[in-house]
Amino acid sequence: MGSPLRELLEAVVVRPGVVGALVATVDGLVMAAVAIGGQDADAVGAVASLVGQSLRRSGESWGTLTVSGGWVCVAIGESLVVAALVEDSGDENAVAGSLVPLVAEIEGWMRQTGG
């Protein structure tokens, strides 16, 4: 059985066009990832952190960044960001919007468990 964070991220990765997902602190420290490993996860976590900071400054809770071959979709919460890598055949806005309740769920779970 995987960790609860991995299980939540696995539900993101099964969406059409999604090739990986992770949760990180707003500073970019990766806490869990699915289908993104090692240095790639660190790089995506750093990008998600920067996108999240930009979103926060603009008053938005989710957004997308166009990259070669698709998008990095990001939702920001109080202390965490959730990111999904979406191929250019996927629906980046639907994926990004779906990450908002996920980041809230993860932060609520973390508060309950003292994480």
N, C-alpha and C. Protein backbone atom coordinates (compact mmCIF):
# COMPACT_ATOMS: atom_id res chain seq x y z
N MET A 1 0.85 -1.19 0.00
CA MET A 1 0.00 0.00 0.00
C MET A 1 0.88 1.24 0.00
N GLY A 2 0.55 2.22 -0.84
CA GLY A 2 1.32 3.45 -0.95
C GLY A 2 0.92 4.45 0.12
N SER A 3 1.66 5.54 0.14
CA SER A 3 1.34 6.61 1.09
C SER A 3 0.05 7.30 0.64
N PRO A 4 -0.65 7.94 1.57
CA PRO A 4 -1.88 8.66 1.19
C PRO A 4 -1.60 9.74 0.14
N LEU A 5 -0.46 10.42 0.23
CA LEU A 5 -0.14 11.44 -0.76
C LEU A 5 0.01 10.82 -2.14
N ARG A 6 0.73 9.71 -2.22
CA ARG A 6 0.92 9.03 -3.51
C ARG A 6 -0.42 8.56 -4.07
N GLU A 7 -1.29 8.06 -3.21
CA GLU A 7 -2.59 7.59 -3.67
C GLU A 7 -3.42 8.74 -4.26
N LEU A 8 -3.37 9.91 -3.62
CA LEU A 8 -4.09 11.07 -4.15
C LEU A 8 -3.50 11.49 -5.49
N LEU A 9 -2.19 11.45 -5.61
CA LEU A 9 -1.54 11.83 -6.87
C LEU A 9 -1.80 10.81 -7.97
N GLU A 10 -1.89 9.54 -7.61
CA GLU A 10 -2.20 8.51 -8.60
C GLU A 10 -3.56 8.76 -9.25
N ALA A 11 -4.49 9.32 -8.49
CA ALA A 11 -5.81 9.64 -9.04
C ALA A 11 -5.70 10.76 -10.09
N VAL A 12 -4.70 11.60 -9.98
CA VAL A 12 -4.47 12.65 -10.97
C VAL A 12 -3.86 12.05 -12.23
N VAL A 13 -2.90 11.16 -12.05
CA VAL A 13 -2.15 10.60 -13.18
C VAL A 13 -3.02 9.72 -14.08
N VAL A 14 -4.11 9.19 -13.58
CA VAL A 14 -4.97 8.36 -14.43
C VAL A 14 -5.83 9.19 -15.38
N ARG A 15 -5.85 10.49 -15.21
CA ARG A 15 -6.62 11.36 -16.11
C ARG A 15 -5.99 11.35 -17.50
N PRO A 16 -6.79 11.44 -18.54
CA PRO A 16 -6.24 11.47 -19.90
C PRO A 16 -5.24 12.62 -20.09
N GLY A 17 -4.09 12.28 -20.65
CA GLY A 17 -3.08 13.29 -20.96
C GLY A 17 -2.13 13.62 -19.83
N VAL A 18 -2.43 13.19 -18.60
CA VAL A 18 -1.55 13.48 -17.46
C VAL A 18 -0.46 12.42 -17.40
N VAL A 19 0.79 12.87 -17.38
CA VAL A 19 1.91 11.93 -17.37
C VAL A 19 2.68 11.90 -16.05
N GLY A 20 2.35 12.78 -15.12
CA GLY A 20 3.00 12.78 -13.82
C GLY A 20 2.40 13.85 -12.92
N ALA A 21 2.58 13.68 -11.62
CA ALA A 21 2.05 14.65 -10.66
C ALA A 21 2.91 14.64 -9.40
N LEU A 22 2.91 15.78 -8.71
CA LEU A 22 3.64 15.85 -7.45
C LEU A 22 3.02 16.87 -6.53
N VAL A 23 3.36 16.74 -5.25
CA VAL A 23 3.01 17.74 -4.25
C VAL A 23 4.32 18.21 -3.63
N ALA A 24 4.41 19.53 -3.44
CA ALA A 24 5.63 20.13 -2.90
C ALA A 24 5.25 21.27 -1.96
N THR A 25 6.20 21.66 -1.14
CA THR A 25 5.99 22.86 -0.33
C THR A 25 6.03 24.07 -1.25
N VAL A 26 5.54 25.20 -0.77
CA VAL A 26 5.58 26.40 -1.60
C VAL A 26 7.01 26.82 -1.92
N ASP A 27 7.98 26.28 -1.18
CA ASP A 27 9.39 26.55 -1.45
C ASP A 27 9.99 25.57 -2.45
N GLY A 28 9.19 24.58 -2.89
CA GLY A 28 9.64 23.66 -3.92
C GLY A 28 10.17 22.33 -3.43
N LEU A 29 10.13 22.06 -2.14
CA LEU A 29 10.59 20.77 -1.61
C LEU A 29 9.54 19.70 -1.92
N VAL A 30 9.92 18.73 -2.74
CA VAL A 30 8.99 17.69 -3.17
C VAL A 30 8.70 16.73 -2.01
N MET A 31 7.41 16.54 -1.74
CA MET A 31 6.98 15.65 -0.66
C MET A 31 6.58 14.27 -1.19
N ALA A 32 6.00 14.24 -2.38
CA ALA A 32 5.60 12.98 -3.01
C ALA A 32 5.43 13.22 -4.49
N ALA A 33 5.71 12.18 -5.27
CA ALA A 33 5.57 12.29 -6.73
C ALA A 33 5.15 10.95 -7.30
N VAL A 34 4.41 11.00 -8.39
CA VAL A 34 4.00 9.81 -9.13
C VAL A 34 4.40 10.03 -10.58
N ALA A 35 5.16 9.08 -11.12
CA ALA A 35 5.61 9.08 -12.52
C ALA A 35 6.57 10.23 -12.84
N ILE A 36 7.14 10.84 -11.81
CA ILE A 36 8.21 11.84 -11.97
C ILE A 36 9.24 11.48 -10.91
N GLY A 37 10.48 11.26 -11.32
CA GLY A 37 11.47 10.83 -10.33
C GLY A 37 12.71 11.68 -10.29
N GLY A 38 13.43 11.56 -9.19
CA GLY A 38 14.75 12.14 -9.03
C GLY A 38 14.87 13.60 -9.37
N GLN A 39 15.84 13.91 -10.22
CA GLN A 39 16.10 15.30 -10.58
C GLN A 39 14.93 15.92 -11.34
N ASP A 40 14.21 15.10 -12.10
CA ASP A 40 13.02 15.62 -12.80
C ASP A 40 11.99 16.12 -11.79
N ALA A 41 11.76 15.36 -10.73
CA ALA A 41 10.81 15.77 -9.70
C ALA A 41 11.28 17.06 -9.04
N ASP A 42 12.57 17.16 -8.76
CA ASP A 42 13.10 18.39 -8.15
C ASP A 42 12.89 19.59 -9.07
N ALA A 43 13.13 19.39 -10.37
CA ALA A 43 12.96 20.49 -11.32
C ALA A 43 11.49 20.90 -11.43
N VAL A 44 10.59 19.92 -11.50
CA VAL A 44 9.16 20.23 -11.58
C VAL A 44 8.70 20.90 -10.29
N GLY A 45 9.21 20.44 -9.14
CA GLY A 45 8.87 21.07 -7.87
C GLY A 45 9.30 22.52 -7.83
N ALA A 46 10.49 22.81 -8.35
CA ALA A 46 10.98 24.19 -8.38
C ALA A 46 10.12 25.05 -9.30
N VAL A 47 9.78 24.53 -10.46
CA VAL A 47 8.93 25.26 -11.40
C VAL A 47 7.55 25.49 -10.77
N ALA A 48 6.99 24.46 -10.17
CA ALA A 48 5.68 24.59 -9.54
C ALA A 48 5.69 25.65 -8.44
N SER A 49 6.79 25.70 -7.69
CA SER A 49 6.92 26.71 -6.65
C SER A 49 6.91 28.12 -7.24
N LEU A 50 7.66 28.32 -8.32
CA LEU A 50 7.71 29.64 -8.95
C LEU A 50 6.36 30.02 -9.55
N VAL A 51 5.71 29.07 -10.22
CA VAL A 51 4.38 29.34 -10.77
C VAL A 51 3.41 29.64 -9.64
N GLY A 52 3.48 28.87 -8.56
CA GLY A 52 2.61 29.09 -7.42
C GLY A 52 2.79 30.47 -6.80
N GLN A 53 4.04 30.92 -6.69
CA GLN A 53 4.29 32.25 -6.15
C GLN A 53 3.70 33.33 -7.05
N SER A 54 3.81 33.14 -8.36
CA SER A 54 3.21 34.07 -9.31
C SER A 54 1.69 34.07 -9.19
N LEU A 55 1.11 32.88 -9.06
CA LEU A 55 -0.34 32.77 -8.88
C LEU A 55 -0.79 33.50 -7.63
N ARG A 56 -0.06 33.29 -6.55
CA ARG A 56 -0.42 33.94 -5.28
C ARG A 56 -0.40 35.46 -5.42
N ARG A 57 0.64 35.99 -6.08
CA ARG A 57 0.75 37.45 -6.26
C ARG A 57 -0.41 37.99 -7.10
N SER A 58 -0.90 37.20 -8.04
CA SER A 58 -1.99 37.66 -8.90
C SER A 58 -3.37 37.33 -8.34
N GLY A 59 -3.41 36.67 -7.19
CA GLY A 59 -4.68 36.34 -6.56
C GLY A 59 -5.38 35.12 -7.14
N GLU A 60 -4.66 34.33 -7.92
CA GLU A 60 -5.23 33.13 -8.53
C GLU A 60 -4.87 31.91 -7.70
N SER A 61 -5.66 30.84 -7.84
CA SER A 61 -5.37 29.61 -7.10
C SER A 61 -4.83 28.50 -8.00
N TRP A 62 -4.96 28.66 -9.33
CA TRP A 62 -4.42 27.66 -10.24
C TRP A 62 -4.03 28.32 -11.55
N GLY A 63 -3.14 27.64 -12.27
CA GLY A 63 -2.70 28.15 -13.56
C GLY A 63 -1.90 27.10 -14.30
N THR A 64 -1.50 27.46 -15.51
CA THR A 64 -0.71 26.55 -16.34
C THR A 64 0.49 27.29 -16.91
N LEU A 65 1.52 26.53 -17.17
CA LEU A 65 2.72 27.03 -17.82
C LEU A 65 2.97 26.16 -19.04
N THR A 66 3.02 26.77 -20.21
CA THR A 66 3.26 26.02 -21.43
C THR A 66 4.74 25.64 -21.51
N VAL A 67 4.97 24.37 -21.77
CA VAL A 67 6.34 23.84 -21.94
C VAL A 67 6.35 23.00 -23.21
N SER A 68 7.52 22.63 -23.66
CA SER A 68 7.64 21.80 -24.85
C SER A 68 6.85 20.50 -24.67
N GLY A 69 5.87 20.27 -25.51
CA GLY A 69 5.10 19.04 -25.46
C GLY A 69 3.88 19.07 -24.56
N GLY A 70 3.60 20.19 -23.91
CA GLY A 70 2.42 20.23 -23.05
C GLY A 70 2.43 21.37 -22.06
N TRP A 71 2.01 21.06 -20.83
CA TRP A 71 1.86 22.07 -19.80
C TRP A 71 2.28 21.53 -18.43
N VAL A 72 2.66 22.46 -17.59
CA VAL A 72 2.78 22.20 -16.15
C VAL A 72 1.57 22.90 -15.53
N CYS A 73 0.69 22.12 -14.95
CA CYS A 73 -0.52 22.64 -14.30
C CYS A 73 -0.26 22.71 -12.80
N VAL A 74 -0.62 23.83 -12.19
CA VAL A 74 -0.28 24.06 -10.79
C VAL A 74 -1.48 24.63 -10.04
N ALA A 75 -1.69 24.13 -8.83
CA ALA A 75 -2.63 24.73 -7.89
C ALA A 75 -1.86 25.03 -6.60
N ILE A 76 -2.14 26.18 -6.02
CA ILE A 76 -1.44 26.57 -4.79
C ILE A 76 -2.43 26.65 -3.63
N GLY A 77 -1.98 26.16 -2.50
CA GLY A 77 -2.76 26.27 -1.27
C GLY A 77 -2.04 27.23 -0.33
N GLU A 78 -2.27 27.04 0.98
CA GLU A 78 -1.62 27.88 1.97
C GLU A 78 -0.13 27.59 2.06
N SER A 79 0.23 26.31 2.06
CA SER A 79 1.63 25.95 2.25
C SER A 79 2.15 24.94 1.23
N LEU A 80 1.27 24.48 0.33
CA LEU A 80 1.66 23.45 -0.63
C LEU A 80 1.28 23.84 -2.05
N VAL A 81 1.97 23.23 -3.01
CA VAL A 81 1.58 23.30 -4.41
C VAL A 81 1.41 21.87 -4.90
N VAL A 82 0.44 21.68 -5.79
CA VAL A 82 0.27 20.41 -6.48
C VAL A 82 0.47 20.71 -7.96
N ALA A 83 1.27 19.88 -8.61
CA ALA A 83 1.54 20.09 -10.03
C ALA A 83 1.27 18.80 -10.79
N ALA A 84 0.82 18.97 -12.03
CA ALA A 84 0.62 17.85 -12.93
C ALA A 84 1.25 18.20 -14.27
N LEU A 85 1.93 17.22 -14.86
CA LEU A 85 2.47 17.37 -16.20
C LEU A 85 1.44 16.82 -17.17
N VAL A 86 1.05 17.65 -18.13
CA VAL A 86 -0.02 17.28 -19.07
C VAL A 86 0.52 17.38 -20.49
N GLU A 87 0.33 16.31 -21.25
CA GLU A 87 0.72 16.30 -22.66
C GLU A 87 -0.14 17.28 -23.43
N ASP A 88 0.36 17.72 -24.60
CA ASP A 88 -0.40 18.70 -25.36
C ASP A 88 -1.72 18.17 -25.89
N SER A 89 -1.96 16.86 -25.77
CA SER A 89 -3.25 16.30 -26.15
C SER A 89 -4.26 16.36 -25.01
N GLY A 90 -3.83 16.76 -23.82
CA GLY A 90 -4.71 16.80 -22.65
C GLY A 90 -5.41 18.13 -22.50
N ASP A 91 -6.34 18.19 -21.56
CA ASP A 91 -7.08 19.42 -21.25
C ASP A 91 -6.46 20.08 -20.03
N GLU A 92 -5.51 20.95 -20.28
CA GLU A 92 -4.73 21.55 -19.19
C GLU A 92 -5.57 22.36 -18.22
N ASN A 93 -6.58 23.06 -18.70
CA ASN A 93 -7.40 23.88 -17.81
C ASN A 93 -8.25 23.01 -16.89
N ALA A 94 -8.80 21.93 -17.41
CA ALA A 94 -9.58 21.02 -16.58
C ALA A 94 -8.70 20.36 -15.52
N VAL A 95 -7.49 19.96 -15.93
CA VAL A 95 -6.58 19.33 -14.97
C VAL A 95 -6.18 20.34 -13.90
N ALA A 96 -5.76 21.52 -14.31
CA ALA A 96 -5.32 22.53 -13.34
C ALA A 96 -6.43 22.88 -12.37
N GLY A 97 -7.65 23.06 -12.88
CA GLY A 97 -8.78 23.37 -12.00
C GLY A 97 -9.08 22.25 -11.02
N SER A 98 -8.86 21.01 -11.44
CA SER A 98 -9.12 19.87 -10.56
C SER A 98 -8.09 19.74 -9.45
N LEU A 99 -6.97 20.42 -9.58
CA LEU A 99 -5.93 20.36 -8.55
C LEU A 99 -6.26 21.23 -7.34
N VAL A 100 -7.15 22.20 -7.51
CA VAL A 100 -7.48 23.11 -6.40
C VAL A 100 -8.10 22.36 -5.22
N PRO A 101 -9.16 21.55 -5.42
CA PRO A 101 -9.68 20.81 -4.27
C PRO A 101 -8.69 19.78 -3.74
N LEU A 102 -7.81 19.28 -4.61
CA LEU A 102 -6.82 18.31 -4.17
C LEU A 102 -5.82 18.93 -3.21
N VAL A 103 -5.31 20.11 -3.53
CA VAL A 103 -4.36 20.76 -2.63
C VAL A 103 -5.03 21.08 -1.29
N ALA A 104 -6.30 21.48 -1.34
CA ALA A 104 -7.04 21.74 -0.08
C ALA A 104 -7.20 20.46 0.72
N GLU A 105 -7.50 19.35 0.04
CA GLU A 105 -7.65 18.06 0.72
C GLU A 105 -6.33 17.63 1.37
N ILE A 106 -5.25 17.78 0.65
CA ILE A 106 -3.94 17.38 1.18
C ILE A 106 -3.57 18.24 2.38
N GLU A 107 -3.79 19.54 2.28
CA GLU A 107 -3.48 20.42 3.41
C GLU A 107 -4.35 20.10 4.62
N GLY A 108 -5.62 19.79 4.40
CA GLY A 108 -6.50 19.40 5.51
C GLY A 108 -6.03 18.11 6.15
N TRP A 109 -5.64 17.14 5.33
CA TRP A 109 -5.12 15.87 5.84
C TRP A 109 -3.84 16.12 6.65
N MET A 110 -2.97 16.99 6.15
CA MET A 110 -1.72 17.28 6.85
C MET A 110 -1.99 17.93 8.21
N ARG A 111 -2.98 18.82 8.26
CA ARG A 111 -3.33 19.46 9.55
C ARG A 111 -3.85 18.43 10.53
N GLN A 112 -4.67 17.50 10.07
CA GLN A 112 -5.25 16.47 10.94
C GLN A 112 -4.20 15.52 11.48
N THR A 113 -3.21 15.21 10.67
CA THR A 113 -2.19 14.25 11.07
C THR A 113 -0.98 14.91 11.72
N GLY A 114 -1.00 16.24 11.75
CA GLY A 114 0.12 16.97 12.33
C GLY A 114 1.35 16.97 11.44
N GLY A 115 1.15 16.73 10.11
CA GLY A 115 2.27 16.67 9.17
C GLY A 115 2.75 17.97 8.70
